[in-house]
């Protein structure tokens, strides 16, 4: 189940990309998605961290595109985390290929 990371305490704080955290969710203490806005590096970014498997940040120029990607990433991450058969390397490569900075 997805829930607010740290009960939402991180919203409005500075994130790992030096932007302001606008969305921050965790899935079953196994994965986290963080969306930021206003970074000097890019207007919007989404960082996906599947603990022990993947840390991937994608930069976006448009908030609507970043929001849509965040929602799609949630689905992909959840499917991966709950799956029984895991090929970590294959999944990492597919995820990184699917979600690239634009």
Protein backbone atom coordinates (compact mmCIF):
# COMPACT_ATOMS: atom_id res chain seq x y z
CA UNK A 1 0.00 0.00 0.00
CA UNK A 2 1.23 3.48 -0.87
CA UNK A 3 1.21 6.06 1.91
CA UNK A 4 2.70 9.48 2.58
CA UNK A 5 6.37 9.19 3.41
CA UNK A 6 7.10 10.26 7.02
CA UNK A 7 3.39 11.13 7.42
CA UNK A 8 3.84 13.99 4.96
CA UNK A 9 6.51 15.76 7.02
CA UNK A 10 8.77 16.05 3.96
CA UNK A 11 6.26 17.99 1.84
CA UNK A 12 7.53 21.55 1.42
CA UNK A 13 11.08 20.62 2.40
CA UNK A 14 14.14 20.67 0.14
CA UNK A 15 14.67 17.32 -1.61
CA UNK A 16 17.68 15.47 -2.98
CA UNK A 17 17.54 17.45 -6.25
CA UNK A 18 17.48 20.76 -4.32
CA UNK A 19 13.86 21.43 -5.27
CA UNK A 20 10.82 21.63 -3.00
CA UNK A 21 9.16 18.28 -2.33
CA UNK A 22 5.57 18.37 -3.60
CA UNK A 23 4.72 14.63 -3.49
CA UNK A 24 6.40 11.93 -1.43
CA UNK A 25 5.08 8.37 -1.15
CA UNK A 26 6.38 5.06 0.16
CA UNK A 27 5.24 1.55 -0.69
CA UNK A 28 5.36 -1.09 2.05
CA UNK A 29 8.69 0.27 3.38
CA UNK A 30 10.30 -1.10 0.19
CA UNK A 31 10.16 1.81 -2.26
CA UNK A 32 9.80 5.58 -2.33
CA UNK A 33 8.79 8.12 -4.98
CA UNK A 34 9.55 11.79 -4.48
CA UNK A 35 8.47 14.65 -6.76
CA UNK A 36 10.14 18.04 -6.54
CA UNK A 37 9.64 21.40 -8.18
CA UNK A 38 11.82 24.47 -8.53
CA UNK A 39 15.26 22.86 -8.61
CA UNK A 40 18.10 24.75 -10.27
CA UNK A 41 18.75 21.55 -12.27
CA UNK A 42 15.23 21.25 -13.71
CA UNK A 43 11.77 22.69 -13.10
CA UNK A 44 10.40 19.30 -12.00
CA UNK A 45 11.92 15.96 -11.03
CA UNK A 46 10.78 12.56 -9.84
CA UNK A 47 13.12 10.29 -7.90
CA UNK A 48 12.34 6.59 -7.61
CA UNK A 49 14.11 4.57 -4.93
CA UNK A 50 13.43 0.85 -4.69
CA UNK A 51 15.48 0.10 -1.61
CA UNK A 52 18.54 -1.99 -2.42
CA UNK A 53 17.62 -2.23 -6.11
CA UNK A 54 17.28 1.13 -7.86
CA UNK A 55 17.79 4.87 -7.40
CA UNK A 56 16.67 6.77 -10.50
CA UNK A 57 15.87 10.47 -10.99
CA UNK A 58 14.05 11.83 -14.02
CA UNK A 59 13.92 15.55 -14.86
CA UNK A 60 10.91 17.18 -16.52
CA UNK A 61 10.15 20.61 -17.97
CA UNK A 62 6.40 20.39 -17.32
CA UNK A 63 4.50 19.71 -14.08
CA UNK A 64 1.65 17.81 -15.77
CA UNK A 65 4.13 15.44 -17.45
CA UNK A 66 6.01 14.94 -14.16
CA UNK A 67 2.76 14.21 -12.30
CA UNK A 68 1.66 11.68 -14.91
CA UNK A 69 5.06 9.97 -14.79
CA UNK A 70 4.91 9.84 -10.98
CA UNK A 71 1.56 8.04 -11.17
CA UNK A 72 2.80 5.59 -13.82
CA UNK A 73 5.96 4.93 -11.81
CA UNK A 74 3.83 4.03 -8.78
CA UNK A 75 2.12 1.31 -10.80
CA UNK A 76 5.39 -0.07 -12.20
CA UNK A 77 7.15 -0.02 -8.83
CA UNK A 78 4.24 -1.67 -7.05
CA UNK A 79 4.08 -4.46 -9.63
CA UNK A 80 7.79 -5.08 -9.27
CA UNK A 81 7.83 -5.05 -5.45
CA UNK A 82 4.93 -7.48 -5.09
CA UNK A 83 6.07 -9.86 -7.84
CA UNK A 84 7.46 -13.23 -6.84
CA UNK A 85 9.89 -13.69 -9.71
CA UNK A 86 12.35 -10.83 -9.77
CA UNK A 87 15.10 -10.14 -12.26
CA UNK A 88 16.51 -6.97 -10.69
CA UNK A 89 18.90 -6.09 -13.49
CA UNK A 90 16.33 -6.55 -16.25
CA UNK A 91 13.74 -4.52 -14.35
CA UNK A 92 16.25 -1.71 -13.62
CA UNK A 93 17.17 -1.47 -17.29
CA UNK A 94 13.54 -1.48 -18.44
CA UNK A 95 12.53 1.11 -15.83
CA UNK A 96 15.43 3.43 -16.68
CA UNK A 97 14.69 3.09 -20.39
CA UNK A 98 10.98 3.82 -19.88
CA UNK A 99 11.56 6.84 -17.64
CA UNK A 100 14.12 9.23 -19.11
CA UNK A 101 14.57 12.94 -18.60
CA UNK A 102 12.77 15.12 -21.13
